[in-house]
Each structure stands twice: as C-alpha cells, then as structure tokens.
C-alpha cells in the first residue's frame, strides 16, 4: 500500500465518522419529539485489492471504511400522561394509521384531536393528527358526529372510542385500527413523525386480523409516547465519532507530510 492510499483511507474514515456525527445530531435534536425512534449507524470495511508478498499467501488490502446503513431502534419509548383524551399511545407493537386523502402513513405519534370539515349544518368532525390527516379505524375514517352533545370521551385498550352523554349513557363511535410490519426497518421515514411503506417493509397487517391480534400492543388514552433517544448513549457515541474523525484527519496530515518529505528529497 502506497502513501497516497493512506490519504484516501483517511478520507473514507472521515466521511464515515461525519455521517455518524450527523446521525447522533439528528437523534439529539429529536430527544423530545413525540414517538421518535432513535437511529444508529453501521460501518463496514472497504477492500481495494491484495498485497503482493511473492508467495501463495494472500492478504486483502484495506481501503478504509464506509457506511453500510442506518437502522432504527423501534423499542418502546416512555409513556407520558396528558389531560387530553385524544392523546393516545401504543403500549407494545404497532403503528397508528393516518390518511392524507390519498395515501396511508404510519406513526407512533398519537397526539390527535377532533378536526372539522365544512361549516354550519354540513360540518363533519373527524379524529385527525397534527397535520390534519384522518386517523383510520376498522371502518375507515373515524367520524365523531355532534361532539358537543357528549359530556366526555375516552378510548379503551381495544382502541374503541366511547362517548358518554349527560345521562351517563355510553356509545361506541368507532375503533382505531393499528398496522404492523414484518420488517419495521424497511419503512420509509417521511418527516412529521410519519412513515410510509417501503420496498423492504413488507405489506402491512392489521389489528382487525384475528390471526395477528396478539402481535399488537394496547392503546392507552390521555397519554403520549416520548422519544426513545438515550441522551447519555448519544453523548458517548458523539465522543467516539469525534475521536475517530480526528484520528483519520491525523492519518491524512501524516501522509501529506511523508509525501512532502519524498518530494523534498529530489530538490
């Protein structure tokens, strides 16, 4: 391996560690984002060719490192109590489904509220997320007709939305449907706490499928799921990646000095 090769090795290492720092910064920035799932980076080595020793033994010549991929930790975040009945969290596996009118998205962010479409007597009320996308139930959009006529609402662990009138009589207005995937890391991150189906996620299966019902967690009302980012672990990763970046930059400066020494020998 020549001196010039070590320059490129250091460059690949700096690029890899800078990507790692970017991933850490994204996690830290989302430490308080509802339902956020932390990401982690996977590094891999690069091979340029083989060393020549004049024997039958072969040894691969390294060419630095690369980023193999970024994986998401879908473990449960802490559940935080709120005073809003339509704030929902999933204790266990699964995703809420929201629809923008043309496409389903999947999310662990259950900060929902009642949204209004139309005005006056034609007004319709639906359970929606912060972007106004409609939460999906077993029978499609969850419509809450005449919400002002009820004294209170609550959601049971099955995801059934129960309305209680002034006489204490209960009425089931709909049931929230959850989605699951065989490969959660195949989901595509869309921003706004939303994911969409990806080519490697597999087709979604749903909580109304009796064969899959045991897969899904329980729905908890007046509660939201916090980010699962571990700030202490992220700070350790940041220190490691920064040290790695600095070390690789040192290999570049050292290689540059050696090249300059070789050039100066013939002056």
C-alpha atoms as a PDB file:
ATOM      1  CA  UNK A   1       0.000   0.000   0.000  1.00  0.00           C
ATOM      2  CA  UNK A   2       1.434   3.356  -1.018  1.00  0.00           C
ATOM      3  CA  UNK A   3       1.407   6.555   0.937  1.00  0.00           C
ATOM      4  CA  UNK A   4      -1.242   8.007  -1.364  1.00  0.00           C
ATOM      5  CA  UNK A   5      -3.575   5.137  -0.452  1.00  0.00           C
ATOM      6  CA  UNK A   6      -3.470   6.145   3.200  1.00  0.00           C
ATOM      7  CA  UNK A   7      -4.757   9.582   2.174  1.00  0.00           C
ATOM      8  CA  UNK A   8      -7.883   8.017   0.703  1.00  0.00           C
ATOM      9  CA  UNK A   9      -8.241   5.641   3.669  1.00  0.00           C
ATOM     10  CA  UNK A  10      -8.289   8.629   5.993  1.00  0.00           C
ATOM     11  CA  UNK A  11     -10.797  10.372   3.753  1.00  0.00           C
ATOM     12  CA  UNK A  12     -13.213   7.432   3.815  1.00  0.00           C
ATOM     13  CA  UNK A  13     -12.864   7.237   7.585  1.00  0.00           C
ATOM     14  CA  UNK A  14     -13.617  10.946   7.972  1.00  0.00           C
ATOM     15  CA  UNK A  15     -16.670  10.596   5.717  1.00  0.00           C
ATOM     16  CA  UNK A  16     -17.934   7.615   7.740  1.00  0.00           C
ATOM     17  CA  UNK A  17     -17.495   9.317  11.095  1.00  0.00           C
ATOM     18  CA  UNK A  18     -19.013  12.564   9.847  1.00  0.00           C
ATOM     19  CA  UNK A  19     -22.112  10.573   8.863  1.00  0.00           C
ATOM     20  CA  UNK A  20     -22.109   9.055  12.346  1.00  0.00           C
ATOM     21  CA  UNK A  21     -21.969  12.534  13.895  1.00  0.00           C
ATOM     22  CA  UNK A  22     -24.875  13.583  11.660  1.00  0.00           C
ATOM     23  CA  UNK A  23     -26.956  10.624  12.883  1.00  0.00           C
ATOM     24  CA  UNK A  24     -26.166  11.450  16.514  1.00  0.00           C
ATOM     25  CA  UNK A  25     -27.089  15.111  15.999  1.00  0.00           C
ATOM     26  CA  UNK A  26     -30.414  14.061  14.472  1.00  0.00           C
ATOM     27  CA  UNK A  27     -31.154  11.837  17.465  1.00  0.00           C
ATOM     28  CA  UNK A  28     -30.253  14.580  19.941  1.00  0.00           C
ATOM     29  CA  UNK A  29     -32.373  17.118  18.056  1.00  0.00           C
ATOM     30  CA  UNK A  30     -35.358  14.759  18.376  1.00  0.00           C
ATOM     31  CA  UNK A  31     -34.859  13.818  22.031  1.00  0.00           C
ATOM     32  CA  UNK A  32     -38.225  15.432  22.855  1.00  0.00           C
ATOM     33  CA  UNK A  33     -40.076  14.557  19.632  1.00  0.00           C
ATOM     34  CA  UNK A  34     -43.227  12.548  20.344  1.00  0.00           C
ATOM     35  CA  UNK A  35     -42.932   8.947  19.189  1.00  0.00           C
ATOM     36  CA  UNK A  36     -39.460   9.459  17.686  1.00  0.00           C
ATOM     37  CA  UNK A  37     -37.299   6.357  17.240  1.00  0.00           C
ATOM     38  CA  UNK A  38     -33.529   6.690  17.521  1.00  0.00           C
ATOM     39  CA  UNK A  39     -31.272   5.753  14.615  1.00  0.00           C
ATOM     40  CA  UNK A  40     -27.895   4.046  14.673  1.00  0.00           C
ATOM     41  CA  UNK A  41     -25.207   3.728  12.029  1.00  0.00           C
ATOM     42  CA  UNK A  42     -23.496   0.562  10.777  1.00  0.00           C
ATOM     43  CA  UNK A  43     -19.932   0.753   9.440  1.00  0.00           C
ATOM     44  CA  UNK A  44     -18.227  -1.638   7.024  1.00  0.00           C
ATOM     45  CA  UNK A  45     -14.676  -2.042   5.707  1.00  0.00           C
ATOM     46  CA  UNK A  46     -13.580  -1.401   2.126  1.00  0.00           C
ATOM     47  CA  UNK A  47     -11.224  -3.684   0.164  1.00  0.00           C
ATOM     48  CA  UNK A  48      -9.035  -2.363  -2.659  1.00  0.00           C
ATOM     49  CA  UNK A  49      -7.095  -5.433  -3.710  1.00  0.00           C
ATOM     50  CA  UNK A  50      -4.458  -7.823  -2.395  1.00  0.00           C
ATOM     51  CA  UNK A  51      -0.970  -7.311  -1.055  1.00  0.00           C
ATOM     52  CA  UNK A  52       1.820  -8.903  -3.072  1.00  0.00           C
ATOM     53  CA  UNK A  53       4.303 -10.888  -0.939  1.00  0.00           C
ATOM     54  CA  UNK A  54       5.827 -13.081  -3.668  1.00  0.00           C
ATOM     55  CA  UNK A  55       4.207 -16.165  -2.113  1.00  0.00           C
ATOM     56  CA  UNK A  56       0.978 -18.073  -2.460  1.00  0.00           C
ATOM     57  CA  UNK A  57      -0.360 -16.417   0.675  1.00  0.00           C
ATOM     58  CA  UNK A  58      -2.915 -13.729   0.024  1.00  0.00           C
ATOM     59  CA  UNK A  59      -3.865 -10.819   2.238  1.00  0.00           C
ATOM     60  CA  UNK A  60      -6.552  -8.304   1.332  1.00  0.00           C
ATOM     61  CA  UNK A  61      -5.540  -4.656   1.147  1.00  0.00           C
ATOM     62  CA  UNK A  62      -7.877  -2.429   3.113  1.00  0.00           C
ATOM     63  CA  UNK A  63      -9.202   0.794   1.639  1.00  0.00           C
ATOM     64  CA  UNK A  64     -10.838   2.432   4.639  1.00  0.00           C
ATOM     65  CA  UNK A  65     -14.435   2.303   5.795  1.00  0.00           C
ATOM     66  CA  UNK A  66     -17.921   3.021   4.527  1.00  0.00           C
ATOM     67  CA  UNK A  67     -21.442   3.334   5.883  1.00  0.00           C
ATOM     68  CA  UNK A  68     -23.358   0.099   5.343  1.00  0.00           C
ATOM     69  CA  UNK A  69     -26.644   1.534   6.516  1.00  0.00           C
ATOM     70  CA  UNK A  70     -28.637   3.282   9.207  1.00  0.00           C
ATOM     71  CA  UNK A  71     -31.005   1.242  11.364  1.00  0.00           C
ATOM     72  CA  UNK A  72     -33.854   2.426  13.551  1.00  0.00           C
ATOM     73  CA  UNK A  73     -34.460   1.324  17.128  1.00  0.00           C
ATOM     74  CA  UNK A  74     -38.230   0.750  17.344  1.00  0.00           C
ATOM     75  CA  UNK A  75     -38.196  -0.078  21.063  1.00  0.00           C
ATOM     76  CA  UNK A  76     -40.885   1.411  23.309  1.00  0.00           C
ATOM     77  CA  UNK A  77     -40.468   4.998  24.487  1.00  0.00           C
ATOM     78  CA  UNK A  78     -41.643   6.206  27.892  1.00  0.00           C
ATOM     79  CA  UNK A  79     -45.399   6.842  28.160  1.00  0.00           C
ATOM     80  CA  UNK A  80     -46.290  10.284  29.481  1.00  0.00           C
ATOM     81  CA  UNK A  81     -49.690  11.218  30.928  1.00  0.00           C
ATOM     82  CA  UNK A  82     -51.655  14.143  29.496  1.00  0.00           C
ATOM     83  CA  UNK A  83     -55.057  15.672  30.207  1.00  0.00           C
ATOM     84  CA  UNK A  84     -56.397  15.186  26.665  1.00  0.00           C
ATOM     85  CA  UNK A  85     -58.481  12.050  25.987  1.00  0.00           C
ATOM     86  CA  UNK A  86     -57.484  12.043  22.303  1.00  0.00           C
ATOM     87  CA  UNK A  87     -53.775  11.848  23.110  1.00  0.00           C
ATOM     88  CA  UNK A  88     -53.087   8.163  22.508  1.00  0.00           C
ATOM     89  CA  UNK A  89     -50.102   5.871  22.915  1.00  0.00           C
ATOM     90  CA  UNK A  90     -49.441   2.267  21.979  1.00  0.00           C
ATOM     91  CA  UNK A  91     -48.043   0.150  24.785  1.00  0.00           C
ATOM     92  CA  UNK A  92     -46.367  -2.544  22.697  1.00  0.00           C
ATOM     93  CA  UNK A  93     -46.064  -3.073  18.964  1.00  0.00           C
ATOM     94  CA  UNK A  94     -47.920  -1.455  16.096  1.00  0.00           C
ATOM     95  CA  UNK A  95     -48.470   1.879  14.387  1.00  0.00           C
ATOM     96  CA  UNK A  96     -51.398   4.247  14.131  1.00  0.00           C
ATOM     97  CA  UNK A  97     -52.616   4.755  10.571  1.00  0.00           C
ATOM     98  CA  UNK A  98     -53.381   8.229   9.215  1.00  0.00           C
ATOM     99  CA  UNK A  99     -54.503   9.133   5.711  1.00  0.00           C
ATOM    100  CA  UNK A 100     -53.944  12.424   3.867  1.00  0.00           C
ATOM    101  CA  UNK A 101     -56.745  11.727   1.411  1.00  0.00           C
ATOM    102  CA  UNK A 102     -54.656   9.685  -0.999  1.00  0.00           C
ATOM    103  CA  UNK A 103     -52.105   7.671   0.997  1.00  0.00           C
ATOM    104  CA  UNK A 104     -51.768   5.867   4.306  1.00  0.00           C
ATOM    105  CA  UNK A 105     -48.963   6.850   6.670  1.00  0.00           C
ATOM    106  CA  UNK A 106     -47.871   5.084   9.847  1.00  0.00           C
ATOM    107  CA  UNK A 107     -46.882   6.729  13.114  1.00  0.00           C
ATOM    108  CA  UNK A 108     -46.260   6.212  16.816  1.00  0.00           C
ATOM    109  CA  UNK A 109     -47.226   9.833  17.480  1.00  0.00           C
ATOM    110  CA  UNK A 110     -50.753   9.726  18.885  1.00  0.00           C
ATOM    111  CA  UNK A 111     -51.265  13.442  19.513  1.00  0.00           C
ATOM    112  CA  UNK A 112     -54.707  13.500  17.895  1.00  0.00           C
ATOM    113  CA  UNK A 113     -57.625  15.895  18.110  1.00  0.00           C
ATOM    114  CA  UNK A 114     -61.068  16.441  16.600  1.00  0.00           C
ATOM    115  CA  UNK A 115     -60.841  18.240  13.266  1.00  0.00           C
ATOM    116  CA  UNK A 116     -63.665  19.970  11.411  1.00  0.00           C
ATOM    117  CA  UNK A 117     -64.537  19.772   7.721  1.00  0.00           C
ATOM    118  CA  UNK A 118     -67.134  22.174   6.336  1.00  0.00           C
ATOM    119  CA  UNK A 119     -69.238  24.731   8.179  1.00  0.00           C
ATOM    120  CA  UNK A 120     -72.683  25.044   9.719  1.00  0.00           C
ATOM    121  CA  UNK A 121     -75.036  22.099   9.369  1.00  0.00           C
ATOM    122  CA  UNK A 122     -72.715  20.488   6.812  1.00  0.00           C
ATOM    123  CA  UNK A 123     -69.766  20.383   9.208  1.00  0.00           C
ATOM    124  CA  UNK A 124     -68.226  16.967   9.817  1.00  0.00           C
ATOM    125  CA  UNK A 125     -65.934  16.054  12.687  1.00  0.00           C
ATOM    126  CA  UNK A 126     -63.092  13.544  12.387  1.00  0.00           C
ATOM    127  CA  UNK A 127     -60.256  12.322  14.578  1.00  0.00           C
ATOM    128  CA  UNK A 128     -57.091  13.742  12.973  1.00  0.00           C
ATOM    129  CA  UNK A 129     -53.387  14.158  13.687  1.00  0.00           C
ATOM    130  CA  UNK A 130     -51.424  17.420  13.892  1.00  0.00           C
ATOM    131  CA  UNK A 131     -51.175  17.660  10.092  1.00  0.00           C
ATOM    132  CA  UNK A 132     -54.924  17.191   9.726  1.00  0.00           C
ATOM    133  CA  UNK A 133     -54.600  13.643   8.359  1.00  0.00           C
ATOM    134  CA  UNK A 134     -57.531  11.425   9.315  1.00  0.00           C
ATOM    135  CA  UNK A 135     -56.924   8.632  11.811  1.00  0.00           C
ATOM    136  CA  UNK A 136     -58.023   5.303  10.382  1.00  0.00           C
ATOM    137  CA  UNK A 137     -60.382   2.964  12.160  1.00  0.00           C
ATOM    138  CA  UNK A 138     -61.707  -0.503  11.451  1.00  0.00           C
ATOM    139  CA  UNK A 139     -64.302   1.023   9.108  1.00  0.00           C
ATOM    140  CA  UNK A 140     -62.154   3.794   7.613  1.00  0.00           C
ATOM    141  CA  UNK A 141     -62.131   7.447   8.726  1.00  0.00           C
ATOM    142  CA  UNK A 142     -63.269   7.910  12.323  1.00  0.00           C
ATOM    143  CA  UNK A 143     -66.148  10.397  12.254  1.00  0.00           C
ATOM    144  CA  UNK A 144     -67.349  11.874  15.536  1.00  0.00           C
ATOM    145  CA  UNK A 145     -70.809  13.264  14.839  1.00  0.00           C
ATOM    146  CA  UNK A 146     -72.048  16.134  17.016  1.00  0.00           C
ATOM    147  CA  UNK A 147     -69.220  16.044  19.592  1.00  0.00           C
ATOM    148  CA  UNK A 148     -70.816  18.922  21.556  1.00  0.00           C
ATOM    149  CA  UNK A 149     -73.723  16.670  22.563  1.00  0.00           C
ATOM    150  CA  UNK A 150     -71.492  14.438  24.693  1.00  0.00           C
ATOM    151  CA  UNK A 151     -70.190  15.101  28.187  1.00  0.00           C
ATOM    152  CA  UNK A 152     -66.906  13.272  27.725  1.00  0.00           C
ATOM    153  CA  UNK A 153     -64.961  10.756  25.651  1.00  0.00           C
ATOM    154  CA  UNK A 154     -62.494   8.023  26.397  1.00  0.00           C
ATOM    155  CA  UNK A 155     -60.658   5.291  24.496  1.00  0.00           C
ATOM    156  CA  UNK A 156     -60.365   1.775  25.872  1.00  0.00           C
ATOM    157  CA  UNK A 157     -57.396  -0.548  25.405  1.00  0.00           C
ATOM    158  CA  UNK A 158     -59.006  -2.113  22.325  1.00  0.00           C
ATOM    159  CA  UNK A 159     -58.990   1.284  20.647  1.00  0.00           C
ATOM    160  CA  UNK A 160     -62.750   1.768  20.873  1.00  0.00           C
ATOM    161  CA  UNK A 161     -63.771   5.421  21.150  1.00  0.00           C
ATOM    162  CA  UNK A 162     -66.513   5.724  23.754  1.00  0.00           C
ATOM    163  CA  UNK A 163     -68.725   8.821  24.042  1.00  0.00           C
ATOM    164  CA  UNK A 164     -70.648   9.469  27.259  1.00  0.00           C
ATOM    165  CA  UNK A 165     -73.705  11.739  27.259  1.00  0.00           C
ATOM    166  CA  UNK A 166     -75.048  13.830  30.123  1.00  0.00           C
ATOM    167  CA  UNK A 167     -77.089  10.893  31.488  1.00  0.00           C
ATOM    168  CA  UNK A 168     -74.008   8.671  31.663  1.00  0.00           C
ATOM    169  CA  UNK A 169     -75.063   6.570  28.669  1.00  0.00           C
ATOM    170  CA  UNK A 170     -72.182   5.297  26.528  1.00  0.00           C
ATOM    171  CA  UNK A 171     -71.949   4.991  22.764  1.00  0.00           C
ATOM    172  CA  UNK A 172     -69.123   3.443  20.720  1.00  0.00           C
ATOM    173  CA  UNK A 173     -68.227   5.813  17.889  1.00  0.00           C
ATOM    174  CA  UNK A 174     -65.528   3.749  16.207  1.00  0.00           C
ATOM    175  CA  UNK A 175     -62.464   1.612  16.779  1.00  0.00           C
ATOM    176  CA  UNK A 176     -58.902   2.617  15.946  1.00  0.00           C
ATOM    177  CA  UNK A 177     -57.013   0.246  13.670  1.00  0.00           C
ATOM    178  CA  UNK A 178     -53.302  -0.468  14.083  1.00  0.00           C
ATOM    179  CA  UNK A 179     -50.815  -1.655  11.475  1.00  0.00           C
ATOM    180  CA  UNK A 180     -47.770  -3.897  11.807  1.00  0.00           C
ATOM    181  CA  UNK A 181     -44.877  -4.878   9.532  1.00  0.00           C
ATOM    182  CA  UNK A 182     -42.611  -7.902   9.308  1.00  0.00           C
ATOM    183  CA  UNK A 183     -39.606  -5.593   8.775  1.00  0.00           C
ATOM    184  CA  UNK A 184     -40.069  -2.250  10.519  1.00  0.00           C
ATOM    185  CA  UNK A 185     -36.626  -1.088   9.356  1.00  0.00           C
ATOM    186  CA  UNK A 186     -37.938  -1.254   5.798  1.00  0.00           C
ATOM    187  CA  UNK A 187     -40.306   1.653   6.491  1.00  0.00           C
ATOM    188  CA  UNK A 188     -39.520   4.968   4.791  1.00  0.00           C
ATOM    189  CA  UNK A 189     -39.164   7.987   7.070  1.00  0.00           C
ATOM    190  CA  UNK A 190     -41.249  10.882   5.721  1.00  0.00           C
ATOM    191  CA  UNK A 191     -40.794  13.549   8.417  1.00  0.00           C
ATOM    192  CA  UNK A 192     -43.532  14.896  10.634  1.00  0.00           C
ATOM    193  CA  UNK A 193     -43.302  11.670  12.730  1.00  0.00           C
ATOM    194  CA  UNK A 194     -44.676   9.704   9.766  1.00  0.00           C
ATOM    195  CA  UNK A 195     -43.507   6.566   7.977  1.00  0.00           C
ATOM    196  CA  UNK A 196     -44.687   5.042   4.725  1.00  0.00           C
ATOM    197  CA  UNK A 197     -44.473   1.525   3.354  1.00  0.00           C
ATOM    198  CA  UNK A 198     -41.135   0.736   1.687  1.00  0.00           C
ATOM    199  CA  UNK A 199     -39.979  -1.946  -0.747  1.00  0.00           C
ATOM    200  CA  UNK A 200     -38.404  -3.959   2.103  1.00  0.00           C
ATOM    201  CA  UNK A 201     -41.018  -3.398   4.830  1.00  0.00           C
ATOM    202  CA  UNK A 202     -43.444  -5.996   3.533  1.00  0.00           C
ATOM    203  CA  UNK A 203     -47.159  -5.437   3.270  1.00  0.00           C
ATOM    204  CA  UNK A 204     -48.879  -4.137   6.417  1.00  0.00           C
ATOM    205  CA  UNK A 205     -51.097  -6.394   8.510  1.00  0.00           C
ATOM    206  CA  UNK A 206     -53.802  -5.015  10.763  1.00  0.00           C
ATOM    207  CA  UNK A 207     -55.189  -5.338  14.264  1.00  0.00           C
ATOM    208  CA  UNK A 208     -58.617  -6.419  12.964  1.00  0.00           C
ATOM    209  CA  UNK A 209     -56.999  -9.620  11.674  1.00  0.00           C
ATOM    210  CA  UNK A 210     -57.731 -12.219  14.369  1.00  0.00           C
ATOM    211  CA  UNK A 211     -54.627 -14.228  13.463  1.00  0.00           C
ATOM    212  CA  UNK A 212     -52.392 -11.179  14.050  1.00  0.00           C
ATOM    213  CA  UNK A 213     -54.250  -9.664  17.011  1.00  0.00           C
ATOM    214  CA  UNK A 214     -51.736 -10.957  19.588  1.00  0.00           C
ATOM    215  CA  UNK A 215     -48.922  -9.024  17.854  1.00  0.00           C
ATOM    216  CA  UNK A 216     -50.309  -5.608  18.728  1.00  0.00           C
ATOM    217  CA  UNK A 217     -49.998  -3.656  21.951  1.00  0.00           C
ATOM    218  CA  UNK A 218     -52.725  -1.913  23.909  1.00  0.00           C
ATOM    219  CA  UNK A 219     -53.921   1.621  23.228  1.00  0.00           C
ATOM    220  CA  UNK A 220     -53.687   3.976  26.192  1.00  0.00           C
ATOM    221  CA  UNK A 221     -55.682   7.226  26.193  1.00  0.00           C
ATOM    222  CA  UNK A 222     -54.670  10.545  27.786  1.00  0.00           C
ATOM    223  CA  UNK A 223     -51.078   9.506  27.158  1.00  0.00           C
ATOM    224  CA  UNK A 224     -48.323  10.003  24.574  1.00  0.00           C
ATOM    225  CA  UNK A 225     -45.145   8.080  23.829  1.00  0.00           C
ATOM    226  CA  UNK A 226     -41.943  10.059  24.228  1.00  0.00           C
ATOM    227  CA  UNK A 227     -38.800   9.684  22.135  1.00  0.00           C
ATOM    228  CA  UNK A 228     -36.673   6.606  22.891  1.00  0.00           C
ATOM    229  CA  UNK A 229     -33.416   8.538  22.424  1.00  0.00           C
ATOM    230  CA  UNK A 230     -30.892   7.832  25.214  1.00  0.00           C
ATOM    231  CA  UNK A 231     -29.019  11.125  25.553  1.00  0.00           C
ATOM    232  CA  UNK A 232     -26.214   9.596  27.636  1.00  0.00           C
ATOM    233  CA  UNK A 233     -25.549   6.953  24.964  1.00  0.00           C
ATOM    234  CA  UNK A 234     -25.672   9.589  22.230  1.00  0.00           C
ATOM    235  CA  UNK A 235     -23.072  11.705  24.040  1.00  0.00           C
ATOM    236  CA  UNK A 236     -20.765   8.675  24.257  1.00  0.00           C
ATOM    237  CA  UNK A 237     -21.271   7.983  20.537  1.00  0.00           C
ATOM    238  CA  UNK A 238     -20.517  11.619  19.767  1.00  0.00           C
ATOM    239  CA  UNK A 239     -17.213  11.431  21.672  1.00  0.00           C
ATOM    240  CA  UNK A 240     -16.253   8.192  19.881  1.00  0.00           C
ATOM    241  CA  UNK A 241     -17.137   9.515  16.428  1.00  0.00           C
ATOM    242  CA  UNK A 242     -15.336  12.809  17.043  1.00  0.00           C
ATOM    243  CA  UNK A 243     -12.206  10.946  18.190  1.00  0.00           C
ATOM    244  CA  UNK A 244     -12.411   8.714  15.118  1.00  0.00           C
ATOM    245  CA  UNK A 245     -12.793  11.726  12.835  1.00  0.00           C
ATOM    246  CA  UNK A 246      -9.785  13.439  14.434  1.00  0.00           C
ATOM    247  CA  UNK A 247      -7.676  10.274  14.172  1.00  0.00           C
ATOM    248  CA  UNK A 248      -8.482   9.883  10.479  1.00  0.00           C
ATOM    249  CA  UNK A 249      -7.656  13.531   9.841  1.00  0.00           C
ATOM    250  CA  UNK A 250      -4.283  12.851  11.514  1.00  0.00           C
ATOM    251  CA  UNK A 251      -3.553   9.997   9.070  1.00  0.00           C
ATOM    252  CA  UNK A 252      -4.169  12.431   6.210  1.00  0.00           C
ATOM    253  CA  UNK A 253      -1.825  15.093   7.609  1.00  0.00           C
ATOM    254  CA  UNK A 254       0.838  12.469   8.391  1.00  0.00           C
ATOM    255  CA  UNK A 255       0.598  11.013   4.870  1.00  0.00           C
ATOM    256  CA  UNK A 256       0.822  14.525   3.442  1.00  0.00           C
ATOM    257  CA  UNK A 257       3.992  15.180   5.435  1.00  0.00           C
ATOM    258  CA  UNK A 258       5.544  11.933   4.168  1.00  0.00           C
ATOM    259  CA  UNK A 259       4.715  12.853   0.582  1.00  0.00           C
ATOM    260  CA  UNK A 260       6.284  16.296   1.075  1.00  0.00           C
ATOM    261  CA  UNK A 261       9.394  14.646   2.524  1.00  0.00           C
ATOM    262  CA  UNK A 262       9.699  12.444  -0.555  1.00  0.00           C
ATOM    263  CA  UNK A 263       9.278  15.434  -2.854  1.00  0.00           C
ATOM    264  CA  UNK A 264      11.889  17.468  -0.950  1.00  0.00           C
ATOM    265  CA  UNK A 265      14.447  14.646  -1.311  1.00  0.00           C
ATOM    266  CA  UNK A 266      14.798  15.359  -5.022  1.00  0.00           C
ATOM    267  CA  UNK A 267      15.007  19.148  -4.784  1.00  0.00           C
END
